[in-house]
Each structure stands twice: as structure tokens, then as C-alpha cells.
C-alpha atoms as a PDB file:
ATOM      1  CA  MET A   1      17.795-162.584  28.760  1.00  0.00           C
ATOM      2  CA  SER A   2      17.998-166.362  28.568  1.00  0.00           C
ATOM      3  CA  ILE A   3      20.761-168.365  26.899  1.00  0.00           C
ATOM      4  CA  GLU A   4      18.399-169.249  24.026  1.00  0.00           C
ATOM      5  CA  GLN A   5      17.493-165.614  23.426  1.00  0.00           C
ATOM      6  CA  MET A   6      21.136-164.558  23.584  1.00  0.00           C
ATOM      7  CA  SER A   7      22.256-167.250  21.125  1.00  0.00           C
ATOM      8  CA  THR A   8      19.403-166.345  18.772  1.00  0.00           C
ATOM      9  CA  SER A   9      20.364-162.659  18.939  1.00  0.00           C
ATOM     10  CA  ILE A  10      24.010-163.482  18.237  1.00  0.00           C
ATOM     11  CA  MET A  11      22.989-165.680  15.305  1.00  0.00           C
ATOM     12  CA  LEU A  12      20.896-162.849  13.851  1.00  0.00           C
ATOM     13  CA  LEU A  13      23.696-160.313  14.285  1.00  0.00           C
ATOM     14  CA  VAL A  14      26.223-162.631  12.614  1.00  0.00           C
ATOM     15  CA  LEU A  15      23.876-163.091   9.646  1.00  0.00           C
ATOM     16  CA  LEU A  16      23.314-159.328   9.437  1.00  0.00           C
ATOM     17  CA  GLY A  17      27.068-158.748   9.640  1.00  0.00           C
ATOM     18  CA  ILE A  18      27.658-161.107   6.710  1.00  0.00           C
ATOM     19  CA  ALA A  19      24.920-159.329   4.747  1.00  0.00           C
ATOM     20  CA  VAL A  20      26.467-155.917   5.447  1.00  0.00           C
ATOM     21  CA  VAL A  21      29.932-157.054   4.331  1.00  0.00           C
ATOM     22  CA  SER A  22      28.489-158.548   1.139  1.00  0.00           C
ATOM     23  CA  ASP A  23      26.383-155.442   0.461  1.00  0.00           C
ATOM     24  CA  LEU A  24      29.332-153.102   0.977  1.00  0.00           C
ATOM     25  CA  ARG A  25      31.693-155.192  -1.153  1.00  0.00           C
ATOM     26  CA  CYS A  26      29.486-156.093  -4.137  1.00  0.00           C
ATOM     27  CA  HIS A  27      26.093-154.382  -3.573  1.00  0.00           C
ATOM     28  CA  ARG A  28      24.393-157.747  -3.301  1.00  0.00           C
ATOM     29  CA  ILE A  29      22.928-159.861  -0.497  1.00  0.00           C
ATOM     30  CA  PRO A  30      23.172-163.569  -1.354  1.00  0.00           C
ATOM     31  CA  ASN A  31      19.877-165.463  -1.553  1.00  0.00           C
ATOM     32  CA  LEU A  32      21.546-168.414   0.195  1.00  0.00           C
ATOM     33  CA  LEU A  33      22.204-166.202   3.221  1.00  0.00           C
ATOM     34  CA  ILE A  34      18.540-165.166   3.266  1.00  0.00           C
ATOM     35  CA  VAL A  35      17.277-168.754   2.989  1.00  0.00           C
ATOM     36  CA  VAL A  36      19.641-170.012   5.711  1.00  0.00           C
ATOM     37  CA  GLY A  37      18.667-167.065   7.914  1.00  0.00           C
ATOM     38  CA  LEU A  38      14.950-167.665   7.397  1.00  0.00           C
ATOM     39  CA  ALA A  39      15.365-171.342   8.281  1.00  0.00           C
ATOM     40  CA  LEU A  40      17.412-170.548  11.390  1.00  0.00           C
ATOM     41  CA  GLY A  41      14.929-167.876  12.480  1.00  0.00           C
ATOM     42  CA  LEU A  42      11.927-170.165  12.087  1.00  0.00           C
ATOM     43  CA  ILE A  43      13.708-173.059  13.818  1.00  0.00           C
ATOM     44  CA  SER A  44      14.770-170.860  16.724  1.00  0.00           C
ATOM     45  CA  GLN A  45      11.209-169.586  17.158  1.00  0.00           C
ATOM     46  CA  VAL A  46       9.800-173.119  17.148  1.00  0.00           C
ATOM     47  CA  TYR A  47      12.455-174.206  19.635  1.00  0.00           C
ATOM     48  CA  ALA A  48      11.676-171.289  21.952  1.00  0.00           C
ATOM     49  CA  SER A  49       7.852-171.259  21.723  1.00  0.00           C
ATOM     50  CA  GLY A  50       6.650-174.362  19.912  1.00  0.00           C
ATOM     51  CA  VAL A  51       3.970-174.104  17.234  1.00  0.00           C
ATOM     52  CA  ASP A  52       2.956-170.651  18.509  1.00  0.00           C
ATOM     53  CA  GLY A  53       6.506-169.495  17.780  1.00  0.00           C
ATOM     54  CA  LEU A  54       6.183-170.661  14.195  1.00  0.00           C
ATOM     55  CA  GLY A  55       3.034-168.585  13.712  1.00  0.00           C
ATOM     56  CA  ASP A  56       4.658-165.534  15.294  1.00  0.00           C
ATOM     57  CA  ALA A  57       7.776-165.961  13.166  1.00  0.00           C
ATOM     58  CA  ALA A  58       5.726-166.322   9.992  1.00  0.00           C
ATOM     59  CA  LEU A  59       3.743-163.170  10.763  1.00  0.00           C
ATOM     60  CA  ALA A  60       6.890-161.237  11.725  1.00  0.00           C
ATOM     61  CA  THR A  61       8.558-162.387   8.489  1.00  0.00           C
ATOM     62  CA  LEU A  62       5.556-161.150   6.531  1.00  0.00           C
ATOM     63  CA  ILE A  63       5.663-157.809   8.356  1.00  0.00           C
ATOM     64  CA  GLY A  64       9.349-157.319   7.543  1.00  0.00           C
ATOM     65  CA  PHE A  65       8.676-158.167   3.906  1.00  0.00           C
ATOM     66  CA  ALA A  66       5.407-156.288   3.419  1.00  0.00           C
ATOM     67  CA  VAL A  67       6.459-152.969   4.921  1.00  0.00           C
ATOM     68  CA  LEU A  68       9.509-152.604   2.658  1.00  0.00           C
ATOM     69  CA  LEU A  69       7.930-154.118  -0.475  1.00  0.00           C
ATOM     70  CA  PRO A  70       6.316-150.847  -1.679  1.00  0.00           C
ATOM     71  CA  MET A  71       9.722-149.153  -1.617  1.00  0.00           C
ATOM     72  CA  TYR A  72      11.097-151.917  -3.834  1.00  0.00           C
ATOM     73  CA  ALA A  73       8.106-151.589  -6.159  1.00  0.00           C
ATOM     74  CA  LEU A  74       8.766-147.852  -6.493  1.00  0.00           C
ATOM     75  CA  GLY A  75      12.461-148.417  -7.223  1.00  0.00           C
ATOM     76  CA  GLY A  76      13.771-146.970  -3.968  1.00  0.00           C
ATOM     77  CA  MET A  77      15.158-150.204  -2.589  1.00  0.00           C
ATOM     78  CA  ALA A  78      16.712-153.420  -3.861  1.00  0.00           C
ATOM     79  CA  ALA A  79      14.999-156.793  -3.529  1.00  0.00           C
ATOM     80  CA  GLY A  80      17.808-158.115  -1.329  1.00  0.00           C
ATOM     81  CA  ASP A  81      17.083-155.447   1.268  1.00  0.00           C
ATOM     82  CA  VAL A  82      13.405-156.412   1.390  1.00  0.00           C
ATOM     83  CA  LYS A  83      14.290-160.098   1.746  1.00  0.00           C
ATOM     84  CA  LEU A  84      16.864-159.270   4.440  1.00  0.00           C
ATOM     85  CA  MET A  85      14.232-157.445   6.489  1.00  0.00           C
ATOM     86  CA  ALA A  86      11.939-160.458   6.121  1.00  0.00           C
ATOM     87  CA  MET A  87      14.780-162.660   7.382  1.00  0.00           C
ATOM     88  CA  VAL A  88      15.232-160.377  10.390  1.00  0.00           C
ATOM     89  CA  GLY A  89      11.509-160.705  11.089  1.00  0.00           C
ATOM     90  CA  SER A  90      11.793-164.495  11.240  1.00  0.00           C
ATOM     91  CA  PHE A  91      13.881-164.124  14.403  1.00  0.00           C
ATOM     92  CA  LEU A  92      11.398-161.759  16.082  1.00  0.00           C
ATOM     93  CA  THR A  93       7.825-161.523  17.260  1.00  0.00           C
ATOM     94  CA  PRO A  94       5.394-159.463  15.164  1.00  0.00           C
ATOM     95  CA  PHE A  95       5.590-156.598  17.668  1.00  0.00           C
ATOM     96  CA  THR A  96       9.379-156.497  17.705  1.00  0.00           C
ATOM     97  CA  ALA A  97       9.487-156.881  13.913  1.00  0.00           C
ATOM     98  CA  LEU A  98       7.427-153.691  13.568  1.00  0.00           C
ATOM     99  CA  TRP A  99       9.888-151.870  15.809  1.00  0.00           C
ATOM    100  CA  ALA A 100      12.859-153.275  13.864  1.00  0.00           C
ATOM    101  CA  VAL A 101      11.346-152.072  10.578  1.00  0.00           C
ATOM    102  CA  PHE A 102      10.548-148.662  12.083  1.00  0.00           C
ATOM    103  CA  PHE A 103      14.081-148.178  13.422  1.00  0.00           C
ATOM    104  CA  SER A 104      15.580-149.493  10.161  1.00  0.00           C
ATOM    105  CA  LEU A 105      13.610-146.906   8.187  1.00  0.00           C
ATOM    106  CA  MET A 106      14.799-144.191  10.569  1.00  0.00           C
ATOM    107  CA  ALA A 107      18.405-145.410  10.276  1.00  0.00           C
ATOM    108  CA  GLY A 108      18.102-145.493   6.484  1.00  0.00           C
ATOM    109  CA  ALA A 109      16.837-141.927   6.384  1.00  0.00           C
ATOM    110  CA  LEU A 110      19.623-140.769   8.685  1.00  0.00           C
ATOM    111  CA  CYS A 111      22.277-142.625   6.666  1.00  0.00           C
ATOM    112  CA  GLY A 112      20.898-141.132   3.455  1.00  0.00           C
ATOM    113  CA  VAL A 113      21.019-137.594   4.817  1.00  0.00           C
ATOM    114  CA  LEU A 114      24.555-138.143   6.139  1.00  0.00           C
ATOM    115  CA  ILE A 115      25.733-139.457   2.757  1.00  0.00           C
ATOM    116  CA  VAL A 116      24.223-136.440   0.975  1.00  0.00           C
ATOM    117  CA  LEU A 117      25.866-134.078   3.477  1.00  0.00           C
ATOM    118  CA  PHE A 118      29.214-135.904   3.354  1.00  0.00           C
ATOM    119  CA  ARG A 119      29.291-135.733  -0.449  1.00  0.00           C
ATOM    120  CA  GLY A 120      28.339-132.048  -0.409  1.00  0.00           C
ATOM    121  CA  GLN A 121      25.175-132.500  -2.470  1.00  0.00           C
ATOM    122  CA  LEU A 122      22.526-131.166  -0.107  1.00  0.00           C
ATOM    123  CA  LYS A 123      21.547-128.211  -2.307  1.00  0.00           C
ATOM    124  CA  GLN A 124      21.488-130.354  -5.476  1.00  0.00           C
ATOM    125  CA  THR A 125      19.426-133.082  -3.798  1.00  0.00           C
ATOM    126  CA  LEU A 126      16.909-130.642  -2.306  1.00  0.00           C
ATOM    127  CA  ALA A 127      16.535-128.945  -5.692  1.00  0.00           C
ATOM    128  CA  ARG A 128      15.869-132.307  -7.368  1.00  0.00           C
ATOM    129  CA  TYR A 129      13.221-133.271  -4.808  1.00  0.00           C
ATOM    130  CA  TRP A 130      11.624-129.827  -5.100  1.00  0.00           C
ATOM    131  CA  LEU A 131      11.335-130.394  -8.860  1.00  0.00           C
ATOM    132  CA  ILE A 132       9.849-133.848  -8.267  1.00  0.00           C
ATOM    133  CA  ALA A 133       7.260-132.388  -5.879  1.00  0.00           C
ATOM    134  CA  SER A 134       6.478-129.501  -8.230  1.00  0.00           C
ATOM    135  CA  ALA A 135       6.157-131.679 -11.319  1.00  0.00           C
ATOM    136  CA  ARG A 136       4.445-134.502  -9.420  1.00  0.00           C
ATOM    137  CA  ALA A 137       6.562-136.881 -11.442  1.00  0.00           C
ATOM    138  CA  TYR A 138       9.727-138.855 -10.865  1.00  0.00           C
ATOM    139  CA  LEU A 139      12.885-137.313 -12.274  1.00  0.00           C
ATOM    140  CA  ALA A 140      15.871-139.638 -12.564  1.00  0.00           C
ATOM    141  CA  PRO A 141      19.022-138.460 -10.791  1.00  0.00           C
ATOM    142  CA  ALA A 142      21.973-137.217 -12.826  1.00  0.00           C
ATOM    143  CA  ALA A 143      24.949-139.541 -13.261  1.00  0.00           C
ATOM    144  CA  ASN A 144      27.048-137.583 -10.764  1.00  0.00           C
ATOM    145  CA  GLU A 145      24.276-137.356  -8.155  1.00  0.00           C
ATOM    146  CA  VAL A 146      24.485-139.398  -4.958  1.00  0.00           C
ATOM    147  CA  ALA A 147      20.808-140.372  -5.330  1.00  0.00           C
ATOM    148  CA  GLY A 148      21.747-142.437  -8.386  1.00  0.00           C
ATOM    149  CA  LYS A 149      24.392-144.494  -6.579  1.00  0.00           C
ATOM    150  CA  PRO A 150      23.756-147.841  -4.831  1.00  0.00           C
ATOM    151  CA  PHE A 151      22.919-147.490  -1.145  1.00  0.00           C
ATOM    152  CA  PRO A 152      23.902-150.404   1.108  1.00  0.00           C
ATOM    153  CA  TYR A 153      20.602-150.489   3.008  1.00  0.00           C
ATOM    154  CA  SER A 154      21.719-153.572   4.934  1.00  0.00           C
ATOM    155  CA  VAL A 155      23.672-151.155   7.146  1.00  0.00           C
ATOM    156  CA  ALA A 156      20.404-149.394   8.043  1.00  0.00           C
ATOM    157  CA  ILE A 157      18.724-152.748   8.707  1.00  0.00           C
ATOM    158  CA  LEU A 158      21.561-153.751  11.036  1.00  0.00           C
ATOM    159  CA  LEU A 159      21.477-150.399  12.851  1.00  0.00           C
ATOM    160  CA  GLY A 160      17.679-150.445  13.068  1.00  0.00           C
ATOM    161  CA  THR A 161      17.631-153.987  14.419  1.00  0.00           C
ATOM    162  CA  LEU A 162      20.241-153.078  17.049  1.00  0.00           C
ATOM    163  CA  ALA A 163      18.346-149.906  17.984  1.00  0.00           C
ATOM    164  CA  SER A 164      15.050-151.767  18.311  1.00  0.00           C
ATOM    165  CA  GLY A 165      16.690-154.377  20.537  1.00  0.00           C
ATOM    166  CA  TYR A 166      18.121-151.655  22.722  1.00  0.00           C
ATOM    167  CA  TRP A 167      14.831-149.759  22.815  1.00  0.00           C
ATOM    168  CA  LEU A 168      12.714-152.810  23.667  1.00  0.00           C
ATOM    169  CA  TYR A 169      14.993-154.681  26.056  1.00  0.00           C
ATOM    170  CA  ILE A 170      17.730-152.518  27.494  1.00  0.00           C
ATOM    171  CA  GLY A 171      16.663-148.885  27.316  1.00  0.00           C
ATOM    172  CA  ARG A 172      13.438-149.188  29.256  1.00  0.00           C
END
């Protein structure tokens, strides 16, 4: 890994760390952080690969945004999480952005299951989803249900980005 790649990776991880802290503290990812991150990601791609890097970064940004957008549209994710994944994509190539999204979705599912288990609501959650599947309609979670609480998905994006980096560059 070159110095440029290492500094870009560190920059991305610092931005993700700030997003995680903000998400955990106030359930919000600042738009300024996203805009600064997008600019830094695009600039780093242009610096590393010229105009081709800009095209790759733009496509990777679109991939990060587009894959999570349907979950936002269905109410399963906040807009800040979708924008954060787009920001992550701006630092990556389209191929690595797909892997980062894939691992982030896996990390989100694992985190969700762990939260349900930790809060002792597995039976209640499974019953609710069984009703949703049976009725073929969305049923809002009860006030005391973990499914109705904010989920800091930035943690899953950070874990997924780290896992994809390990998978693509170190683990092979």
C-alpha cells in the first residue's frame, strides 16, 4: 500500500469515526461532514488517478447512494446513513464500493440481531415480522420494541468498510 493510499484510508476512517461519534451521541450525521468527506474523497481520487479517478469516484459515490436509497424510501434507514455510504464510495473504486456496501449491509444485519438478542426481544421481534409476512403489510413497532428505536447505522458502515478493506487487501 502506497503512502497516498494509506493517507486516504486514514482520512476515510477519521471521517467515519466522527460520523459514528455523532450518530451515537445525537442520532444525526452532520451534512457538513458529508460534504467535506465527499470533497476529500473526490480530490484524493483525482490526485491518485487523474480524470479517470474522478469518474471512478463519481460512480462509486452513486453506487453507495443508490444501493441504500431504497431502504431509506421504505423507512428502514435514515438519510444521513445513505449519504454517509455515498461519502465512503467517493474514496473507493466502483468495485470496492460494492464490497463496502455489501459488508456494511451484513454488519448492519448482525448488529441488529445482536441488539435484539441483547435486549431480550427475539421472540417479540420474530412474532412481529411473522405478522408482517402473514398480513403482507407493514405493522409499526410498539413503543417498547427495539425495532422502533433509532439504530446508529454508521457503526455498520464503519465495520463494513473495515471488513471490505480487510477482505480486498489484507485477507487474500
